[in-house]
Amino acid sequence: MKKMLPLLIITIVFLSCDKNDDDIVIGNNSLADDLKQVIQEEGVQALQTCCIGCSCAQTIGWGKDFSFPGDNFVRIRDTNYNLNELKQFKIETVSETNETEVRMVLFFPRRVPININ
């Protein structure tokens, strides 16, 4: 019986230890939340998507209709994009004649729109 007491104490100590880093859970919308923060800090006015290795362009004002509906998706106009597929992004200032726009360009490995209509 005396030998059982130390074993019981050791077991209780191991069970009461803090969780390690492997037990950290990342929220379902964490990437979208990070992008929203960058958009706010950088004064981004529009979003654009592009695939890696592609040349992409859009007119000023086209990507101003965007939102983050949840589950790591971004909606630009009528198309949703899965942010889990996002490889990189950049912020750029685009100018056309007398207009300028601060734009976030989202780069995906390929076009990954999900139509919701």
PDB file of N, CA and C in Angstrom:
ATOM      1  N   MET A   1       0.810  -1.185   0.000  1.00  0.00           N
ATOM      2  CA  MET A   1       0.000   0.000   0.000  1.00  0.00           C
ATOM      3  C   MET A   1       0.862   1.261   0.000  1.00  0.00           C
ATOM      4  N   LYS A   2       2.003   1.214   0.743  1.00  0.00           N
ATOM      5  CA  LYS A   2       2.889   2.369   0.794  1.00  0.00           C
ATOM      6  C   LYS A   2       3.511   2.656  -0.569  1.00  0.00           C
ATOM      7  N   LYS A   3       3.697   1.625  -1.385  1.00  0.00           N
ATOM      8  CA  LYS A   3       4.266   1.801  -2.719  1.00  0.00           C
ATOM      9  C   LYS A   3       3.240   2.390  -3.680  1.00  0.00           C
ATOM     10  N   MET A   4       1.982   2.225  -3.408  1.00  0.00           N
ATOM     11  CA  MET A   4       0.914   2.751  -4.271  1.00  0.00           C
ATOM     12  C   MET A   4       0.771   4.272  -4.141  1.00  0.00           C
ATOM     13  N   LEU A   5       1.055   4.808  -2.970  1.00  0.00           N
ATOM     14  CA  LEU A   5       0.908   6.238  -2.724  1.00  0.00           C
ATOM     15  C   LEU A   5       1.816   7.079  -3.624  1.00  0.00           C
ATOM     16  N   PRO A   6       3.142   6.760  -3.729  1.00  0.00           N
ATOM     17  CA  PRO A   6       3.990   7.551  -4.644  1.00  0.00           C
ATOM     18  C   PRO A   6       3.543   7.433  -6.105  1.00  0.00           C
ATOM     19  N   LEU A   7       3.112   6.255  -6.507  1.00  0.00           N
ATOM     20  CA  LEU A   7       2.624   6.054  -7.870  1.00  0.00           C
ATOM     21  C   LEU A   7       1.380   6.896  -8.128  1.00  0.00           C
ATOM     22  N   LEU A   8       0.489   6.960  -7.157  1.00  0.00           N
ATOM     23  CA  LEU A   8      -0.710   7.771  -7.269  1.00  0.00           C
ATOM     24  C   LEU A   8      -0.361   9.262  -7.354  1.00  0.00           C
ATOM     25  N   ILE A   9       0.590   9.706  -6.559  1.00  0.00           N
ATOM     26  CA  ILE A   9       1.001  11.115  -6.577  1.00  0.00           C
ATOM     27  C   ILE A   9       1.632  11.473  -7.919  1.00  0.00           C
ATOM     28  N   ILE A  10       2.488  10.609  -8.441  1.00  0.00           N
ATOM     29  CA  ILE A  10       3.127  10.861  -9.743  1.00  0.00           C
ATOM     30  C   ILE A  10       2.079  10.926 -10.849  1.00  0.00           C
ATOM     31  N   THR A  11       1.116  10.039 -10.813  1.00  0.00           N
ATOM     32  CA  THR A  11       0.047  10.039 -11.812  1.00  0.00           C
ATOM     33  C   THR A  11      -0.748  11.331 -11.755  1.00  0.00           C
ATOM     34  N   ILE A  12      -1.083  11.791 -10.572  1.00  0.00           N
ATOM     35  CA  ILE A  12      -1.847  13.040 -10.421  1.00  0.00           C
ATOM     36  C   ILE A  12      -1.040  14.227 -10.936  1.00  0.00           C
ATOM     37  N   VAL A  13       0.263  14.255 -10.661  1.00  0.00           N
ATOM     38  CA  VAL A  13       1.114  15.349 -11.131  1.00  0.00           C
ATOM     39  C   VAL A  13       1.140  15.383 -12.662  1.00  0.00           C
ATOM     40  N   PHE A  14       1.303  14.234 -13.313  1.00  0.00           N
ATOM     41  CA  PHE A  14       1.322  14.194 -14.768  1.00  0.00           C
ATOM     42  C   PHE A  14      -0.015  14.613 -15.365  1.00  0.00           C
ATOM     43  N   LEU A  15      -1.096  14.230 -14.757  1.00  0.00           N
ATOM     44  CA  LEU A  15      -2.411  14.592 -15.277  1.00  0.00           C
ATOM     45  C   LEU A  15      -2.735  16.069 -15.086  1.00  0.00           C
ATOM     46  N   SER A  16      -2.110  16.705 -14.120  1.00  0.00           N
ATOM     47  CA  SER A  16      -2.412  18.111 -13.861  1.00  0.00           C
ATOM     48  C   SER A  16      -1.463  19.063 -14.573  1.00  0.00           C
ATOM     49  N   CYS A  17      -0.525  18.579 -15.376  1.00  0.00           N
ATOM     50  CA  CYS A  17       0.419  19.443 -16.096  1.00  0.00           C
ATOM     51  C   CYS A  17      -0.312  20.268 -17.140  1.00  0.00           C
ATOM     52  N   ASP A  18       0.274  21.436 -17.459  1.00  0.00           N
ATOM     53  CA  ASP A  18      -0.292  22.306 -18.491  1.00  0.00           C
ATOM     54  C   ASP A  18      -0.231  21.626 -19.841  1.00  0.00           C
ATOM     55  N   LYS A  19      -1.126  22.098 -20.737  1.00  0.00           N
ATOM     56  CA  LYS A  19      -1.115  21.585 -22.100  1.00  0.00           C
ATOM     57  C   LYS A  19       0.119  22.092 -22.815  1.00  0.00           C
ATOM     58  N   ASN A  20       0.599  21.327 -23.783  1.00  0.00           N
ATOM     59  CA  ASN A  20       1.747  21.786 -24.562  1.00  0.00           C
ATOM     60  C   ASN A  20       1.268  22.471 -25.843  1.00  0.00           C
ATOM     61  N   ASP A  21       2.203  22.928 -26.662  1.00  0.00           N
ATOM     62  CA  ASP A  21       1.868  23.677 -27.871  1.00  0.00           C
ATOM     63  C   ASP A  21       1.052  22.862 -28.875  1.00  0.00           C
ATOM     64  N   ASP A  22       1.163  21.540 -28.836  1.00  0.00           N
ATOM     65  CA  ASP A  22       0.406  20.708 -29.762  1.00  0.00           C
ATOM     66  C   ASP A  22      -1.090  20.789 -29.504  1.00  0.00           C
ATOM     67  N   ASP A  23      -1.483  21.238 -28.321  1.00  0.00           N
ATOM     68  CA  ASP A  23      -2.895  21.302 -27.968  1.00  0.00           C
ATOM     69  C   ASP A  23      -3.537  22.651 -28.300  1.00  0.00           C
ATOM     70  N   ILE A  24      -2.764  23.580 -28.892  1.00  0.00           N
ATOM     71  CA  ILE A  24      -3.305  24.890 -29.234  1.00  0.00           C
ATOM     72  C   ILE A  24      -4.228  24.743 -30.434  1.00  0.00           C
ATOM     73  N   VAL A  25      -5.401  25.310 -30.330  1.00  0.00           N
ATOM     74  CA  VAL A  25      -6.382  25.246 -31.405  1.00  0.00           C
ATOM     75  C   VAL A  25      -6.465  26.616 -32.071  1.00  0.00           C
ATOM     76  N   ILE A  26      -6.330  26.640 -33.382  1.00  0.00           N
ATOM     77  CA  ILE A  26      -6.426  27.886 -34.145  1.00  0.00           C
ATOM     78  C   ILE A  26      -7.862  28.032 -34.612  1.00  0.00           C
ATOM     79  N   GLY A  27      -8.412  29.213 -34.473  1.00  0.00           N
ATOM     80  CA  GLY A  27      -9.798  29.456 -34.846  1.00  0.00           C
ATOM     81  C   GLY A  27     -10.059  29.243 -36.322  1.00  0.00           C
ATOM     82  N   ASN A  28     -11.312  28.954 -36.635  1.00  0.00           N
ATOM     83  CA  ASN A  28     -11.709  28.671 -38.011  1.00  0.00           C
ATOM     84  C   ASN A  28     -11.546  29.869 -38.939  1.00  0.00           C
ATOM     85  N   ASN A  29     -11.546  31.066 -38.404  1.00  0.00           N
ATOM     86  CA  ASN A  29     -11.517  32.258 -39.234  1.00  0.00           C
ATOM     87  C   ASN A  29     -10.270  33.091 -38.970  1.00  0.00           C
ATOM     88  N   SER A  30      -9.209  32.478 -38.468  1.00  0.00           N
ATOM     89  CA  SER A  30      -8.041  33.236 -38.029  1.00  0.00           C
ATOM     90  C   SER A  30      -7.324  33.950 -39.172  1.00  0.00           C
ATOM     91  N   LEU A  31      -7.206  33.325 -40.338  1.00  0.00           N
ATOM     92  CA  LEU A  31      -6.539  33.964 -41.468  1.00  0.00           C
ATOM     93  C   LEU A  31      -7.342  35.172 -41.944  1.00  0.00           C
ATOM     94  N   ALA A  32      -8.642  35.030 -42.006  1.00  0.00           N
ATOM     95  CA  ALA A  32      -9.494  36.156 -42.403  1.00  0.00           C
ATOM     96  C   ALA A  32      -9.356  37.292 -41.390  1.00  0.00           C
ATOM     97  N   ASP A  33      -9.299  36.965 -40.121  1.00  0.00           N
ATOM     98  CA  ASP A  33      -9.134  37.995 -39.091  1.00  0.00           C
ATOM     99  C   ASP A  33      -7.801  38.714 -39.252  1.00  0.00           C
ATOM    100  N   ASP A  34      -6.741  37.979 -39.557  1.00  0.00           N
ATOM    101  CA  ASP A  34      -5.435  38.599 -39.779  1.00  0.00           C
ATOM    102  C   ASP A  34      -5.465  39.537 -40.988  1.00  0.00           C
ATOM    103  N   LEU A  35      -6.106  39.097 -42.071  1.00  0.00           N
ATOM    104  CA  LEU A  35      -6.195  39.944 -43.261  1.00  0.00           C
ATOM    105  C   LEU A  35      -7.020  41.200 -42.988  1.00  0.00           C
ATOM    106  N   LYS A  36      -8.108  41.059 -42.238  1.00  0.00           N
ATOM    107  CA  LYS A  36      -8.921  42.231 -41.887  1.00  0.00           C
ATOM    108  C   LYS A  36      -8.096  43.252 -41.110  1.00  0.00           C
ATOM    109  N   GLN A  37      -7.230  42.773 -40.240  1.00  0.00           N
ATOM    110  CA  GLN A  37      -6.388  43.682 -39.465  1.00  0.00           C
ATOM    111  C   GLN A  37      -5.409  44.423 -40.382  1.00  0.00           C
ATOM    112  N   VAL A  38      -4.791  43.708 -41.318  1.00  0.00           N
ATOM    113  CA  VAL A  38      -3.867  44.343 -42.263  1.00  0.00           C
ATOM    114  C   VAL A  38      -4.613  45.343 -43.137  1.00  0.00           C
ATOM    115  N   ILE A  39      -5.805  44.985 -43.575  1.00  0.00           N
ATOM    116  CA  ILE A  39      -6.616  45.883 -44.405  1.00  0.00           C
ATOM    117  C   ILE A  39      -6.881  47.189 -43.665  1.00  0.00           C
ATOM    118  N   GLN A  40      -7.227  47.074 -42.405  1.00  0.00           N
ATOM    119  CA  GLN A  40      -7.502  48.264 -41.607  1.00  0.00           C
ATOM    120  C   GLN A  40      -6.232  49.093 -41.391  1.00  0.00           C
ATOM    121  N   GLU A  41      -5.143  48.438 -41.024  1.00  0.00           N
ATOM    122  CA  GLU A  41      -3.887  49.147 -40.749  1.00  0.00           C
ATOM    123  C   GLU A  41      -3.305  49.822 -41.984  1.00  0.00           C
ATOM    124  N   GLU A  42      -3.442  49.194 -43.144  1.00  0.00           N
ATOM    125  CA  GLU A  42      -2.850  49.716 -44.381  1.00  0.00           C
ATOM    126  C   GLU A  42      -3.808  50.600 -45.186  1.00  0.00           C
ATOM    127  N   GLY A  43      -5.047  50.712 -44.751  1.00  0.00           N
ATOM    128  CA  GLY A  43      -6.013  51.539 -45.482  1.00  0.00           C
ATOM    129  C   GLY A  43      -6.400  50.969 -46.838  1.00  0.00           C
ATOM    130  N   VAL A  44      -6.498  49.657 -46.916  1.00  0.00           N
ATOM    131  CA  VAL A  44      -6.834  48.979 -48.174  1.00  0.00           C
ATOM    132  C   VAL A  44      -8.275  49.324 -48.569  1.00  0.00           C
ATOM    133  N   GLN A  45      -8.447  49.653 -49.844  1.00  0.00           N
ATOM    134  CA  GLN A  45      -9.759  50.031 -50.363  1.00  0.00           C
ATOM    135  C   GLN A  45     -10.400  48.948 -51.216  1.00  0.00           C
ATOM    136  N   ALA A  46      -9.593  48.031 -51.766  1.00  0.00           N
ATOM    137  CA  ALA A  46     -10.120  47.008 -52.668  1.00  0.00           C
ATOM    138  C   ALA A  46      -9.263  45.751 -52.588  1.00  0.00           C
ATOM    139  N   LEU A  47      -9.862  44.625 -52.950  1.00  0.00           N
ATOM    140  CA  LEU A  47      -9.151  43.347 -53.018  1.00  0.00           C
ATOM    141  C   LEU A  47      -9.092  42.871 -54.461  1.00  0.00           C
ATOM    142  N   GLN A  48      -8.050  42.146 -54.762  1.00  0.00           N
ATOM    143  CA  GLN A  48      -7.881  41.544 -56.079  1.00  0.00           C
ATOM    144  C   GLN A  48      -7.324  40.154 -55.883  1.00  0.00           C
ATOM    145  N   THR A  49      -7.723  39.203 -56.720  1.00  0.00           N
ATOM    146  CA  THR A  49      -7.114  37.870 -56.666  1.00  0.00           C
ATOM    147  C   THR A  49      -6.253  37.658 -57.899  1.00  0.00           C
ATOM    148  N   CYS A  50      -5.259  36.819 -57.731  1.00  0.00           N
ATOM    149  CA  CYS A  50      -4.362  36.490 -58.825  1.00  0.00           C
ATOM    150  C   CYS A  50      -3.787  35.112 -58.536  1.00  0.00           C
ATOM    151  N   CYS A  51      -3.364  34.414 -59.568  1.00  0.00           N
ATOM    152  CA  CYS A  51      -2.690  33.134 -59.328  1.00  0.00           C
ATOM    153  C   CYS A  51      -1.184  33.357 -59.430  1.00  0.00           C
ATOM    154  N   ILE A  52      -0.445  32.546 -58.723  1.00  0.00           N
ATOM    155  CA  ILE A  52       1.010  32.674 -58.722  1.00  0.00           C
ATOM    156  C   ILE A  52       1.536  32.413 -60.126  1.00  0.00           C
ATOM    157  N   GLY A  53       2.364  33.322 -60.622  1.00  0.00           N
ATOM    158  CA  GLY A  53       2.922  33.191 -61.963  1.00  0.00           C
ATOM    159  C   GLY A  53       2.036  33.764 -63.052  1.00  0.00           C
ATOM    160  N   CYS A  54       0.899  34.323 -62.693  1.00  0.00           N
ATOM    161  CA  CYS A  54      -0.004  34.925 -63.676  1.00  0.00           C
ATOM    162  C   CYS A  54       0.184  36.438 -63.681  1.00  0.00           C
ATOM    163  N   SER A  55      -0.201  37.061 -64.774  1.00  0.00           N
ATOM    164  CA  SER A  55      -0.262  38.523 -64.778  1.00  0.00           C
ATOM    165  C   SER A  55      -1.733  38.891 -64.614  1.00  0.00           C
ATOM    166  N   CYS A  56      -2.014  39.689 -63.622  1.00  0.00           N
ATOM    167  CA  CYS A  56      -3.397  40.013 -63.288  1.00  0.00           C
ATOM    168  C   CYS A  56      -3.555  41.524 -63.178  1.00  0.00           C
ATOM    169  N   ALA A  57      -4.688  42.000 -63.580  1.00  0.00           N
ATOM    170  CA  ALA A  57      -4.981  43.427 -63.446  1.00  0.00           C
ATOM    171  C   ALA A  57      -6.485  43.590 -63.323  1.00  0.00           C
ATOM    172  N   GLN A  58      -6.875  44.666 -62.691  1.00  0.00           N
ATOM    173  CA  GLN A  58      -8.296  45.008 -62.623  1.00  0.00           C
ATOM    174  C   GLN A  58      -8.401  46.523 -62.586  1.00  0.00           C
ATOM    175  N   THR A  59      -9.542  47.018 -62.969  1.00  0.00           N
ATOM    176  CA  THR A  59      -9.739  48.461 -62.969  1.00  0.00           C
ATOM    177  C   THR A  59      -9.977  48.961 -61.552  1.00  0.00           C
ATOM    178  N   ILE A  60      -9.691  50.210 -61.338  1.00  0.00           N
ATOM    179  CA  ILE A  60      -9.901  50.818 -60.022  1.00  0.00           C
ATOM    180  C   ILE A  60     -11.381  50.737 -59.664  1.00  0.00           C
ATOM    181  N   GLY A  61     -11.655  50.361 -58.454  1.00  0.00           N
ATOM    182  CA  GLY A  61     -13.026  50.276 -57.955  1.00  0.00           C
ATOM    183  C   GLY A  61     -13.668  48.913 -58.093  1.00  0.00           C
ATOM    184  N   TRP A  62     -13.114  48.029 -58.943  1.00  0.00           N
ATOM    185  CA  TRP A  62     -13.751  46.741 -59.186  1.00  0.00           C
ATOM    186  C   TRP A  62     -13.824  45.891 -57.923  1.00  0.00           C
ATOM    187  N   GLY A  63     -12.788  45.864 -57.123  1.00  0.00           N
ATOM    188  CA  GLY A  63     -12.740  44.983 -55.957  1.00  0.00           C
ATOM    189  C   GLY A  63     -13.153  45.633 -54.652  1.00  0.00           C
ATOM    190  N   LYS A  64     -13.848  46.767 -54.714  1.00  0.00           N
ATOM    191  CA  LYS A  64     -14.247  47.442 -53.477  1.00  0.00           C
ATOM    192  C   LYS A  64     -15.388  46.737 -52.755  1.00  0.00           C
ATOM    193  N   ASP A  65     -16.127  45.901 -53.449  1.00  0.00           N
ATOM    194  CA  ASP A  65     -17.230  45.150 -52.837  1.00  0.00           C
ATOM    195  C   ASP A  65     -16.678  43.814 -52.344  1.00  0.00           C
ATOM    196  N   PHE A  66     -16.247  43.796 -51.074  1.00  0.00           N
ATOM    197  CA  PHE A  66     -15.702  42.561 -50.506  1.00  0.00           C
ATOM    198  C   PHE A  66     -16.144  42.431 -49.055  1.00  0.00           C
ATOM    199  N   SER A  67     -16.117  41.183 -48.576  1.00  0.00           N
ATOM    200  CA  SER A  67     -16.427  40.913 -47.171  1.00  0.00           C
ATOM    201  C   SER A  67     -15.798  39.571 -46.796  1.00  0.00           C
ATOM    202  N   PHE A  68     -15.849  39.287 -45.501  1.00  0.00           N
ATOM    203  CA  PHE A  68     -15.335  38.031 -44.966  1.00  0.00           C
ATOM    204  C   PHE A  68     -16.498  37.310 -44.298  1.00  0.00           C
ATOM    205  N   PRO A  69     -17.176  36.398 -45.026  1.00  0.00           N
ATOM    206  CA  PRO A  69     -18.384  35.763 -44.494  1.00  0.00           C
ATOM    207  C   PRO A  69     -18.133  34.722 -43.402  1.00  0.00           C
ATOM    208  N   GLY A  70     -16.892  34.318 -43.189  1.00  0.00           N
ATOM    209  CA  GLY A  70     -16.579  33.335 -42.152  1.00  0.00           C
ATOM    210  C   GLY A  70     -15.912  32.104 -42.720  1.00  0.00           C
ATOM    211  N   ASP A  71     -15.457  31.220 -41.845  1.00  0.00           N
ATOM    212  CA  ASP A  71     -14.807  29.954 -42.211  1.00  0.00           C
ATOM    213  C   ASP A  71     -13.632  30.152 -43.164  1.00  0.00           C
ATOM    214  N   ASN A  72     -12.872  31.241 -42.966  1.00  0.00           N
ATOM    215  CA  ASN A  72     -11.708  31.555 -43.797  1.00  0.00           C
ATOM    216  C   ASN A  72     -12.047  31.709 -45.274  1.00  0.00           C
ATOM    217  N   PHE A  73     -13.140  32.386 -45.559  1.00  0.00           N
ATOM    218  CA  PHE A  73     -13.492  32.734 -46.926  1.00  0.00           C
ATOM    219  C   PHE A  73     -13.514  34.243 -47.063  1.00  0.00           C
ATOM    220  N   VAL A  74     -13.196  34.708 -48.252  1.00  0.00           N
ATOM    221  CA  VAL A  74     -13.352  36.118 -48.591  1.00  0.00           C
ATOM    222  C   VAL A  74     -14.266  36.176 -49.807  1.00  0.00           C
ATOM    223  N   ARG A  75     -15.196  37.130 -49.787  1.00  0.00           N
ATOM    224  CA  ARG A  75     -16.091  37.341 -50.925  1.00  0.00           C
ATOM    225  C   ARG A  75     -15.659  38.618 -51.616  1.00  0.00           C
ATOM    226  N   ILE A  76     -15.406  38.514 -52.912  1.00  0.00           N
ATOM    227  CA  ILE A  76     -15.132  39.681 -53.741  1.00  0.00           C
ATOM    228  C   ILE A  76     -16.196  39.692 -54.814  1.00  0.00           C
ATOM    229  N   ARG A  77     -17.056  40.715 -54.744  1.00  0.00           N
ATOM    230  CA  ARG A  77     -18.247  40.820 -55.600  1.00  0.00           C
ATOM    231  C   ARG A  77     -19.120  39.577 -55.404  1.00  0.00           C
ATOM    232  N   ASP A  78     -19.334  38.761 -56.420  1.00  0.00           N
ATOM    233  CA  ASP A  78     -20.216  37.596 -56.298  1.00  0.00           C
ATOM    234  C   ASP A  78     -19.466  36.276 -56.143  1.00  0.00           C
ATOM    235  N   THR A  79     -18.171  36.329 -55.879  1.00  0.00           N
ATOM    236  CA  THR A  79     -17.370  35.111 -55.826  1.00  0.00           C
ATOM    237  C   THR A  79     -16.674  34.986 -54.478  1.00  0.00           C
ATOM    238  N   ASN A  80     -16.707  33.783 -53.914  1.00  0.00           N
ATOM    239  CA  ASN A  80     -16.006  33.486 -52.658  1.00  0.00           C
ATOM    240  C   ASN A  80     -14.702  32.767 -52.965  1.00  0.00           C
ATOM    241  N   TYR A  81     -13.673  33.056 -52.158  1.00  0.00           N
ATOM    242  CA  TYR A  81     -12.369  32.418 -52.293  1.00  0.00           C
ATOM    243  C   TYR A  81     -11.982  31.817 -50.944  1.00  0.00           C
ATOM    244  N   ASN A  82     -11.452  30.614 -50.979  1.00  0.00           N
ATOM    245  CA  ASN A  82     -11.045  29.905 -49.767  1.00  0.00           C
ATOM    246  C   ASN A  82      -9.654  30.389 -49.355  1.00  0.00           C
ATOM    247  N   LEU A  83      -9.574  31.072 -48.229  1.00  0.00           N
ATOM    248  CA  LEU A  83      -8.298  31.607 -47.768  1.00  0.00           C
ATOM    249  C   LEU A  83      -7.333  30.520 -47.297  1.00  0.00           C
ATOM    250  N   ASN A  84      -7.813  29.314 -47.089  1.00  0.00           N
ATOM    251  CA  ASN A  84      -6.910  28.211 -46.760  1.00  0.00           C
ATOM    252  C   ASN A  84      -5.989  27.875 -47.933  1.00  0.00           C
ATOM    253  N   GLU A  85      -6.367  28.324 -49.135  1.00  0.00           N
ATOM    254  CA  GLU A  85      -5.557  28.114 -50.337  1.00  0.00           C
ATOM    255  C   GLU A  85      -4.598  29.276 -50.601  1.00  0.00           C
ATOM    256  N   LEU A  86      -4.716  30.359 -49.839  1.00  0.00           N
ATOM    257  CA  LEU A  86      -3.908  31.563 -50.050  1.00  0.00           C
ATOM    258  C   LEU A  86      -2.427  31.267 -49.837  1.00  0.00           C
ATOM    259  N   LYS A  87      -1.592  31.699 -50.787  1.00  0.00           N
ATOM    260  CA  LYS A  87      -0.145  31.489 -50.691  1.00  0.00           C
ATOM    261  C   LYS A  87       0.585  32.741 -50.224  1.00  0.00           C
ATOM    262  N   GLN A  88       0.140  33.906 -50.654  1.00  0.00           N
ATOM    263  CA  GLN A  88       0.765  35.152 -50.250  1.00  0.00           C
ATOM    264  C   GLN A  88      -0.163  36.304 -50.606  1.00  0.00           C
ATOM    265  N   PHE A  89       0.172  37.477 -50.100  1.00  0.00           N
ATOM    266  CA  PHE A  89      -0.553  38.678 -50.485  1.00  0.00           C
ATOM    267  C   PHE A  89       0.409  39.842 -50.514  1.00  0.00           C
ATOM    268  N   LYS A  90       0.010  40.899 -51.202  1.00  0.00           N
ATOM    269  CA  LYS A  90       0.810  42.116 -51.197  1.00  0.00           C
ATOM    270  C   LYS A  90      -0.139  43.311 -51.236  1.00  0.00           C
ATOM    271  N   ILE A  91       0.369  44.427 -50.740  1.00  0.00           N
ATOM    272  CA  ILE A  91      -0.371  45.677 -50.753  1.00  0.00           C
ATOM    273  C   ILE A  91       0.288  46.561 -51.794  1.00  0.00           C
ATOM    274  N   GLU A  92      -0.515  47.134 -52.669  1.00  0.00           N
ATOM    275  CA  GLU A  92       0.038  48.031 -53.676  1.00  0.00           C
ATOM    276  C   GLU A  92      -0.898  49.210 -53.888  1.00  0.00           C
ATOM    277  N   THR A  93      -0.330  50.309 -54.337  1.00  0.00           N
ATOM    278  CA  THR A  93      -1.116  51.478 -54.690  1.00  0.00           C
ATOM    279  C   THR A  93      -1.172  51.544 -56.203  1.00  0.00           C
ATOM    280  N   VAL A  94      -2.381  51.539 -56.741  1.00  0.00           N
ATOM    281  CA  VAL A  94      -2.603  51.517 -58.179  1.00  0.00           C
ATOM    282  C   VAL A  94      -3.127  52.877 -58.597  1.00  0.00           C
ATOM    283  N   SER A  95      -2.630  53.371 -59.725  1.00  0.00           N
ATOM    284  CA  SER A  95      -3.069  54.673 -60.230  1.00  0.00           C
ATOM    285  C   SER A  95      -3.587  54.537 -61.654  1.00  0.00           C
ATOM    286  N   GLU A  96      -4.700  55.181 -61.925  1.00  0.00           N
ATOM    287  CA  GLU A  96      -5.255  55.314 -63.276  1.00  0.00           C
ATOM    288  C   GLU A  96      -5.666  56.772 -63.429  1.00  0.00           C
ATOM    289  N   THR A  97      -5.157  57.421 -64.417  1.00  0.00           N
ATOM    290  CA  THR A  97      -5.390  58.853 -64.655  1.00  0.00           C
ATOM    291  C   THR A  97      -5.283  59.640 -63.352  1.00  0.00           C
ATOM    292  N   ASN A  98      -6.373  60.161 -62.824  1.00  0.00           N
ATOM    293  CA  ASN A  98      -6.322  60.963 -61.600  1.00  0.00           C
ATOM    294  C   ASN A  98      -6.771  60.195 -60.365  1.00  0.00           C
ATOM    295  N   GLU A  99      -6.993  58.901 -60.480  1.00  0.00           N
ATOM    296  CA  GLU A  99      -7.471  58.097 -59.351  1.00  0.00           C
ATOM    297  C   GLU A  99      -6.359  57.189 -58.839  1.00  0.00           C
ATOM    298  N   THR A 100      -6.364  56.976 -57.526  1.00  0.00           N
ATOM    299  CA  THR A 100      -5.465  55.980 -56.925  1.00  0.00           C
ATOM    300  C   THR A 100      -6.267  55.100 -55.978  1.00  0.00           C
ATOM    301  N   GLU A 101      -5.760  53.901 -55.781  1.00  0.00           N
ATOM    302  CA  GLU A 101      -6.449  52.942 -54.927  1.00  0.00           C
ATOM    303  C   GLU A 101      -5.407  52.086 -54.213  1.00  0.00           C
ATOM    304  N   VAL A 102      -5.576  51.917 -52.906  1.00  0.00           N
ATOM    305  CA  VAL A 102      -4.736  50.988 -52.152  1.00  0.00           C
ATOM    306  C   VAL A 102      -5.415  49.631 -52.250  1.00  0.00           C
ATOM    307  N   ARG A 103      -4.668  48.659 -52.750  1.00  0.00           N
ATOM    308  CA  ARG A 103      -5.251  47.353 -53.062  1.00  0.00           C
ATOM    309  C   ARG A 103      -4.451  46.235 -52.417  1.00  0.00           C
ATOM    310  N   MET A 104      -5.168  45.232 -51.924  1.00  0.00           N
ATOM    311  CA  MET A 104      -4.533  44.002 -51.446  1.00  0.00           C
ATOM    312  C   MET A 104      -4.720  42.950 -52.528  1.00  0.00           C
ATOM    313  N   VAL A 105      -3.611  42.409 -53.014  1.00  0.00           N
ATOM    314  CA  VAL A 105      -3.658  41.357 -54.030  1.00  0.00           C
ATOM    315  C   VAL A 105      -3.434  40.031 -53.319  1.00  0.00           C
ATOM    316  N   LEU A 106      -4.396  39.118 -53.456  1.00  0.00           N
ATOM    317  CA  LEU A 106      -4.342  37.791 -52.842  1.00  0.00           C
ATOM    318  C   LEU A 106      -3.885  36.791 -53.898  1.00  0.00           C
ATOM    319  N   PHE A 107      -2.799  36.091 -53.624  1.00  0.00           N
ATOM    320  CA  PHE A 107      -2.242  35.135 -54.580  1.00  0.00           C
ATOM    321  C   PHE A 107      -2.589  33.709 -54.167  1.00  0.00           C
ATOM    322  N   PHE A 108      -3.181  32.983 -55.110  1.00  0.00           N
ATOM    323  CA  PHE A 108      -3.549  31.586 -54.930  1.00  0.00           C
ATOM    324  C   PHE A 108      -2.747  30.742 -55.912  1.00  0.00           C
ATOM    325  N   PRO A 109      -2.578  29.440 -55.643  1.00  0.00           N
ATOM    326  CA  PRO A 109      -1.826  28.603 -56.580  1.00  0.00           C
ATOM    327  C   PRO A 109      -2.521  28.480 -57.927  1.00  0.00           C
ATOM    328  N   ARG A 110      -3.798  28.627 -57.924  1.00  0.00           N
ATOM    329  CA  ARG A 110      -4.613  28.623 -59.143  1.00  0.00           C
ATOM    330  C   ARG A 110      -5.895  29.357 -58.780  1.00  0.00           C
ATOM    331  N   ARG A 111      -6.688  29.662 -59.693  1.00  0.00           N
ATOM    332  CA  ARG A 111      -7.949  30.339 -59.374  1.00  0.00           C
ATOM    333  C   ARG A 111      -8.845  29.371 -58.620  1.00  0.00           C
ATOM    334  N   VAL A 112      -9.316  29.777 -57.443  1.00  0.00           N
ATOM    335  CA  VAL A 112     -10.122  28.893 -56.615  1.00  0.00           C
ATOM    336  C   VAL A 112     -11.434  29.566 -56.180  1.00  0.00           C
ATOM    337  N   PRO A 113     -12.170  30.139 -57.126  1.00  0.00           N
ATOM    338  CA  PRO A 113     -13.430  30.762 -56.724  1.00  0.00           C
ATOM    339  C   PRO A 113     -14.492  29.722 -56.400  1.00  0.00           C
ATOM    340  N   ILE A 114     -15.405  30.097 -55.543  1.00  0.00           N
ATOM    341  CA  ILE A 114     -16.555  29.270 -55.237  1.00  0.00           C
ATOM    342  C   ILE A 114     -17.768  30.147 -55.422  1.00  0.00           C
ATOM    343  N   ASN A 115     -18.518  29.910 -56.482  1.00  0.00           N
ATOM    344  CA  ASN A 115     -19.696  30.735 -56.753  1.00  0.00           C
ATOM    345  C   ASN A 115     -20.822  30.392 -55.777  1.00  0.00           C
ATOM    346  N   ILE A 116     -21.493  31.417 -55.299  1.00  0.00           N
ATOM    347  CA  ILE A 116     -22.553  31.203 -54.325  1.00  0.00           C
ATOM    348  C   ILE A 116     -23.935  31.443 -54.906  1.00  0.00           C
ATOM    349  N   ASN A 117     -24.009  31.681 -56.186  1.00  0.00           N
ATOM    350  CA  ASN A 117     -25.322  31.928 -56.822  1.00  0.00           C
ATOM    351  C   ASN A 117     -26.006  30.647 -57.207  1.00  0.00           C
TER     352      ASN A 117
END
